[in-house]
N, C-alpha and C. Protein backbone atom coordinates (compact mmCIF):
# COMPACT_ATOMS: atom_id res chain seq x y z
N MET A 1 -26.51 326.58 66.88
CA MET A 1 -25.73 325.97 68.05
C MET A 1 -26.87 325.07 69.02
N ILE A 2 -28.08 325.63 68.73
CA ILE A 2 -29.09 324.64 69.61
C ILE A 2 -29.49 323.45 68.81
N ASN A 3 -29.51 323.46 67.54
CA ASN A 3 -30.00 321.96 66.81
C ASN A 3 -29.07 321.29 66.74
N ASP A 4 -27.51 321.78 66.96
CA ASP A 4 -26.53 321.13 67.02
C ASP A 4 -26.66 320.07 68.58
N TYR A 5 -27.01 320.86 69.23
CA TYR A 5 -27.06 319.98 70.59
C TYR A 5 -28.19 319.50 70.84
N LYS A 6 -29.65 319.63 69.69
CA LYS A 6 -30.69 318.69 70.18
C LYS A 6 -29.98 316.90 69.18
N LEU A 7 -29.68 317.90 68.00
CA LEU A 7 -28.80 316.79 67.70
C LEU A 7 -28.14 315.73 68.20
N TYR A 8 -27.03 316.13 68.68
CA TYR A 8 -25.91 315.32 69.63
C TYR A 8 -27.20 314.61 71.01
N LYS A 9 -28.30 315.62 71.46
CA LYS A 9 -28.88 314.52 72.86
C LYS A 9 -29.79 313.57 71.90
N ALA A 10 -30.19 313.96 70.99
CA ALA A 10 -30.70 312.46 70.04
C ALA A 10 -29.73 311.49 70.13
N ARG A 11 -28.48 311.97 69.16
CA ARG A 11 -27.64 310.40 69.39
C ARG A 11 -27.16 310.08 70.13
N LYS A 12 -27.05 310.60 71.69
CA LYS A 12 -26.97 310.21 72.56
C LYS A 12 -27.68 308.98 73.25
N SER A 13 -28.50 309.72 72.91
CA SER A 13 -30.04 308.73 73.47
C SER A 13 -30.27 307.93 72.59
N ASP A 14 -29.68 307.67 71.43
CA ASP A 14 -30.26 306.71 70.56
C ASP A 14 -29.18 305.37 70.44
N ARG A 15 -27.61 306.07 70.57
CA ARG A 15 -26.38 305.10 71.34
C ARG A 15 -27.37 304.83 72.41
N ASP A 16 -27.15 305.04 73.53
CA ASP A 16 -28.04 304.68 74.73
C ASP A 16 -28.85 303.17 74.54
N MET A 17 -30.01 303.64 73.28
CA MET A 17 -30.69 302.78 73.31
C MET A 17 -30.47 301.28 72.65
N ILE A 18 -29.89 301.78 71.68
CA ILE A 18 -29.13 300.80 70.91
C ILE A 18 -28.34 299.90 71.48
N GLU A 19 -26.92 300.12 72.76
CA GLU A 19 -26.53 299.49 73.54
C GLU A 19 -27.49 298.55 74.45
N LYS A 20 -28.32 299.22 75.20
CA LYS A 20 -29.28 298.35 76.13
C LYS A 20 -29.86 297.46 74.91
N ALA A 21 -30.33 297.67 73.76
CA ALA A 21 -31.00 296.46 73.03
C ALA A 21 -29.62 295.53 72.40
N ASN A 22 -28.60 296.05 72.34
CA ASN A 22 -27.78 294.72 72.11
C ASN A 22 -27.48 294.33 73.47
N LYS A 23 -27.51 294.58 74.65
CA LYS A 23 -26.68 294.09 75.76
C LYS A 23 -27.81 293.60 76.43
N ASN A 24 -29.18 293.29 76.04
CA ASN A 24 -30.22 292.86 76.29
C ASN A 24 -30.46 291.92 75.65
N ASP A 25 -30.28 291.93 74.58
CA ASP A 25 -30.93 291.17 73.41
C ASP A 25 -32.29 291.20 72.46
N ALA A 26 -32.79 292.55 73.01
CA ALA A 26 -34.06 293.25 72.97
C ALA A 26 -34.38 293.69 71.12
N ILE A 27 -35.84 293.32 71.25
CA ILE A 27 -35.96 294.32 69.83
C ILE A 27 -36.59 295.74 70.21
N ILE A 28 -36.50 296.26 69.41
CA ILE A 28 -36.94 297.68 69.08
C ILE A 28 -38.30 297.81 68.37
N ILE A 29 -39.06 298.76 69.53
CA ILE A 29 -40.51 298.74 69.02
C ILE A 29 -40.03 300.60 68.58
N CYS A 30 -40.43 300.84 67.28
CA CYS A 30 -40.63 302.15 66.90
C CYS A 30 -42.15 302.55 66.14
N VAL A 31 -41.62 303.92 65.60
CA VAL A 31 -43.67 304.43 65.39
C VAL A 31 -43.77 304.30 63.64
N ASN A 32 -42.29 304.08 62.85
CA ASN A 32 -42.59 304.08 61.69
C ASN A 32 -41.44 303.48 60.73
N GLU A 33 -41.55 303.33 59.58
CA GLU A 33 -40.16 302.80 58.74
C GLU A 33 -39.55 303.91 58.88
N ASN A 34 -39.60 305.39 58.74
CA ASN A 34 -38.93 306.20 58.52
C ASN A 34 -37.56 306.08 60.43
N ARG A 35 -38.45 305.87 61.15
CA ARG A 35 -37.80 305.88 62.40
C ARG A 35 -36.72 304.44 62.56
N ARG A 36 -37.32 303.48 62.19
CA ARG A 36 -36.00 302.29 61.98
C ARG A 36 -35.85 302.21 61.02
N TYR A 37 -35.22 302.88 60.32
CA TYR A 37 -34.22 303.05 59.13
C TYR A 37 -33.17 304.15 60.00
N GLU A 38 -33.53 305.16 60.88
CA GLU A 38 -32.73 305.98 61.54
C GLU A 38 -32.00 305.18 62.58
N ILE A 39 -32.88 303.77 63.15
CA ILE A 39 -32.01 303.24 64.72
C ILE A 39 -31.02 302.24 64.04
N MET A 40 -31.42 301.87 62.28
CA MET A 40 -30.69 300.77 61.88
C MET A 40 -29.51 301.47 61.54
N TYR A 41 -29.45 302.85 60.70
CA TYR A 41 -28.37 303.39 60.33
C TYR A 41 -27.50 304.01 61.49
N SER A 42 -27.95 304.29 62.61
CA SER A 42 -27.14 304.61 63.78
C SER A 42 -26.66 303.66 64.43
N ALA A 43 -27.17 302.36 64.19
CA ALA A 43 -27.03 301.17 64.91
C ALA A 43 -25.50 300.95 64.36
N LYS A 44 -25.42 301.00 62.62
CA LYS A 44 -24.22 300.63 61.72
C LYS A 44 -22.70 301.74 61.91
N VAL A 45 -23.74 303.09 62.15
CA VAL A 45 -22.44 303.97 62.46
C VAL A 45 -22.16 303.93 63.78
N PHE A 46 -22.29 303.09 64.82
CA PHE A 46 -22.07 302.76 66.02
C PHE A 46 -21.46 301.78 66.18
N ASN A 47 -21.27 300.58 65.27
CA ASN A 47 -21.08 299.53 65.18
C ASN A 47 -21.78 298.41 65.99
N ILE A 48 -22.74 298.79 66.44
CA ILE A 48 -23.63 297.95 67.15
C ILE A 48 -24.54 297.02 66.25
N ASP A 49 -24.21 295.68 67.28
CA ASP A 49 -25.58 294.49 66.36
C ASP A 49 -26.79 294.77 67.17
N ILE A 50 -27.78 294.87 66.32
CA ILE A 50 -29.18 294.69 66.85
C ILE A 50 -30.18 293.71 66.11
N HIS A 51 -31.25 293.46 66.66
CA HIS A 51 -32.24 293.09 65.21
C HIS A 51 -32.93 294.05 64.90
N LYS A 52 -33.26 293.55 63.62
CA LYS A 52 -34.55 294.70 63.17
C LYS A 52 -35.59 294.99 63.74
N PRO A 53 -35.59 296.53 63.96
CA PRO A 53 -36.87 297.00 64.60
C PRO A 53 -37.54 296.80 64.31
N LEU A 54 -39.08 297.19 65.03
CA LEU A 54 -40.32 296.54 64.13
C LEU A 54 -41.03 297.71 64.19
N ILE A 55 -41.73 297.69 62.98
CA ILE A 55 -42.67 299.11 63.60
C ILE A 55 -43.81 298.42 64.02
N ILE A 56 -44.60 299.95 64.74
CA ILE A 56 -45.63 299.89 65.30
C ILE A 56 -46.85 299.08 64.42
N ASP A 57 -47.31 298.86 62.87
CA ASP A 57 -47.98 298.12 62.53
C ASP A 57 -47.39 296.80 62.06
N GLU A 58 -46.30 296.20 62.70
CA GLU A 58 -45.55 295.03 62.59
C GLU A 58 -46.17 294.46 64.38
N VAL A 59 -46.37 295.20 64.93
CA VAL A 59 -46.29 294.69 66.54
C VAL A 59 -47.94 294.19 66.54
N ILE A 60 -48.26 294.76 65.90
CA ILE A 60 -50.55 294.81 66.03
C ILE A 60 -50.30 293.66 65.67
N SER A 61 -50.33 293.04 64.42
CA SER A 61 -49.69 291.60 63.66
C SER A 61 -48.61 290.87 64.15
N TYR A 62 -47.91 291.11 64.95
CA TYR A 62 -46.56 289.98 65.54
C TYR A 62 -46.73 289.05 66.33
N ASN A 63 -46.54 287.73 65.99
CA ASN A 63 -47.26 287.01 66.96
C ASN A 63 -45.63 286.94 67.96
N PHE A 64 -46.21 287.50 69.21
CA PHE A 64 -45.11 287.58 70.68
C PHE A 64 -44.88 286.34 70.96
N THR A 65 -43.33 286.24 71.13
CA THR A 65 -42.66 285.29 72.22
C THR A 65 -42.45 285.74 73.02
N LYS A 66 -41.83 285.28 74.30
CA LYS A 66 -41.22 285.75 75.19
C LYS A 66 -39.63 286.23 74.68
N GLY A 67 -40.08 287.76 75.55
CA GLY A 67 -38.49 288.53 74.91
C GLY A 67 -37.94 289.47 75.83
N ASN A 68 -37.04 290.35 75.27
CA ASN A 68 -36.84 291.60 75.40
C ASN A 68 -37.31 293.04 74.43
N TYR A 69 -38.25 293.50 75.22
CA TYR A 69 -38.59 294.77 73.77
C TYR A 69 -37.95 296.37 74.63
N ILE A 70 -37.64 296.97 73.90
CA ILE A 70 -37.15 298.67 73.98
C ILE A 70 -38.51 299.22 72.82
N ILE A 71 -38.91 300.14 74.00
CA ILE A 71 -39.86 301.09 72.95
C ILE A 71 -39.27 302.06 72.96
N ASP A 72 -38.89 302.78 71.53
CA ASP A 72 -38.90 303.97 70.99
C ASP A 72 -39.81 305.17 71.21
N HIS A 73 -39.75 306.07 71.68
CA HIS A 73 -40.59 307.29 71.31
C HIS A 73 -42.17 306.74 71.91
N ILE A 74 -42.31 306.15 73.02
CA ILE A 74 -43.51 305.92 73.20
C ILE A 74 -44.97 306.70 73.49
N ASP A 75 -44.56 307.90 73.35
CA ASP A 75 -45.58 309.52 73.35
C ASP A 75 -45.90 309.04 71.96
N ASP A 76 -44.79 308.96 71.11
CA ASP A 76 -45.14 308.99 69.26
C ASP A 76 -46.39 308.00 69.36
N ILE A 77 -45.59 306.97 69.80
CA ILE A 77 -46.23 305.71 69.25
C ILE A 77 -48.17 305.49 69.82
N ALA A 78 -48.30 305.82 71.29
CA ALA A 78 -49.80 306.54 71.76
C ALA A 78 -50.62 307.42 70.85
N GLN A 79 -49.82 308.67 70.45
CA GLN A 79 -50.39 309.59 69.75
C GLN A 79 -51.01 309.13 68.51
N MET A 80 -50.03 308.17 67.99
CA MET A 80 -50.61 307.62 66.45
C MET A 80 -51.33 306.62 66.75
N ILE A 81 -51.56 305.49 68.02
CA ILE A 81 -52.96 304.94 67.88
C ILE A 81 -53.85 305.43 68.00
N ILE A 82 -53.88 306.12 69.21
CA ILE A 82 -55.09 306.77 69.91
C ILE A 82 -55.56 307.49 68.31
N TYR A 83 -54.73 308.53 67.38
CA TYR A 83 -55.44 309.24 66.46
C TYR A 83 -55.66 308.00 65.20
N ARG A 84 -55.13 306.82 65.28
CA ARG A 84 -55.66 305.86 64.07
C ARG A 84 -56.99 305.03 64.40
N TYR A 85 -56.79 304.78 65.89
CA TYR A 85 -57.88 304.06 66.32
C TYR A 85 -59.17 304.62 66.37
N ILE A 86 -58.86 305.46 67.48
CA ILE A 86 -60.04 306.66 67.54
C ILE A 86 -60.32 307.69 67.20
N LEU A 87 -59.31 308.73 67.26
CA LEU A 87 -59.83 310.21 66.57
C LEU A 87 -60.35 310.07 65.01
N LYS A 88 -59.64 309.30 64.28
CA LYS A 88 -60.25 309.08 62.93
C LYS A 88 -61.38 308.44 62.80
N PRO A 89 -61.90 307.45 62.85
CA PRO A 89 -62.98 306.58 62.93
C PRO A 89 -63.69 307.66 63.12
N LEU A 90 -63.62 308.26 63.86
CA LEU A 90 -65.05 309.42 64.87
C LEU A 90 -65.37 310.57 63.87
N TRP A 91 -64.22 311.15 63.52
CA TRP A 91 -63.98 312.33 63.11
C TRP A 91 -64.56 312.06 61.30
N GLN A 92 -65.04 310.54 61.14
CA GLN A 92 -65.34 310.14 59.73
C GLN A 92 -66.95 309.97 59.90
N LYS A 93 -67.06 309.85 61.31
CA LYS A 93 -68.48 309.92 61.26
C LYS A 93 -69.24 310.98 62.05
N GLY A 94 -68.64 311.72 62.35
CA GLY A 94 -69.15 312.61 63.04
C GLY A 94 -68.15 313.86 63.47
N THR A 95 -68.48 314.91 64.60
CA THR A 95 -67.79 315.91 65.09
C THR A 95 -67.46 315.41 66.83
N ILE A 96 -66.17 315.79 67.41
CA ILE A 96 -65.89 315.36 68.85
C ILE A 96 -66.16 316.81 69.27
N CYS A 97 -67.30 316.63 69.78
CA CYS A 97 -67.40 317.78 70.90
C CYS A 97 -66.92 318.11 72.08
N PHE A 98 -66.15 317.20 72.61
CA PHE A 98 -65.57 317.47 73.93
C PHE A 98 -64.72 316.52 74.07
N ALA A 99 -63.26 317.07 74.66
CA ALA A 99 -62.34 315.91 75.26
C ALA A 99 -61.92 316.11 76.48
N THR A 100 -61.35 314.97 77.03
CA THR A 100 -60.84 315.53 78.57
C THR A 100 -59.32 314.74 78.32
N THR A 101 -58.56 315.24 79.37
CA THR A 101 -57.21 314.63 79.42
C THR A 101 -56.33 314.70 80.67
N SER A 102 -55.66 313.72 80.80
CA SER A 102 -55.39 313.98 82.34
C SER A 102 -53.92 313.69 81.90
N LYS A 103 -53.00 314.51 83.27
CA LYS A 103 -51.15 314.54 83.06
C LYS A 103 -50.88 313.03 83.36
N ILE A 104 -50.71 312.45 81.92
CA ILE A 104 -50.01 311.06 82.68
C ILE A 104 -48.22 310.96 82.22
N TYR A 105 -47.36 310.53 82.45
CA TYR A 105 -46.32 310.32 81.91
C TYR A 105 -46.07 308.83 81.85
N LEU A 106 -46.43 308.24 80.57
CA LEU A 106 -46.39 307.03 79.85
C LEU A 106 -45.02 305.98 80.43
N PRO A 107 -44.05 306.02 80.65
CA PRO A 107 -43.02 305.15 81.34
C PRO A 107 -43.57 304.93 83.06
N ASP A 108 -44.18 305.99 83.65
CA ASP A 108 -44.29 306.07 85.01
C ASP A 108 -45.29 304.47 85.29
N VAL A 109 -46.66 305.14 84.33
CA VAL A 109 -47.33 304.24 84.41
C VAL A 109 -46.96 302.74 83.86
N LEU A 110 -46.26 302.35 82.68
CA LEU A 110 -45.32 300.92 82.44
C LEU A 110 -44.25 300.56 83.16
N GLU A 111 -44.09 301.47 84.84
CA GLU A 111 -43.34 301.40 85.57
C GLU A 111 -41.50 301.50 85.08
N ALA A 112 -41.18 301.88 83.82
CA ALA A 112 -40.42 301.22 82.80
C ALA A 112 -39.61 302.63 83.67
N GLU A 113 -38.06 302.04 82.85
CA GLU A 113 -36.80 303.19 82.91
C GLU A 113 -36.23 304.21 81.82
N TYR A 114 -37.07 305.62 82.36
CA TYR A 114 -36.87 306.28 81.08
C TYR A 114 -35.63 307.56 81.43
N ASP A 115 -35.66 308.28 80.21
CA ASP A 115 -34.67 308.77 80.10
C ASP A 115 -34.86 310.62 80.13
N THR A 116 -34.72 311.47 80.81
CA THR A 116 -34.83 312.59 80.88
C THR A 116 -33.87 314.05 80.33
N ARG A 117 -32.93 313.67 79.43
CA ARG A 117 -32.31 314.12 78.98
C ARG A 117 -33.53 314.85 77.82
């Protein structure tokens, strides 16, 4: 039952995101190719037209123009960027002896709308 509920919540939040992308003519930015496929598949199931989502690797080399963007799972994207560009290179050169963190909620930092479901 819990898995069904989580799946329902994921699909509902995906539908909301896809509808917002359609309504605002926005491009969705996601973490990887698998997630892009999930979003495109969901949009097809919901019969909602959206632009092809960009994965983070494309965003890094994307020639940005003024437009609307929706960031899917920003915490996963931030974690991947931190690992790929900070932690992995440091681990290849030595040992990270100590690290600190602060509790931040990324949508608040970005002054963005967020879903608390």
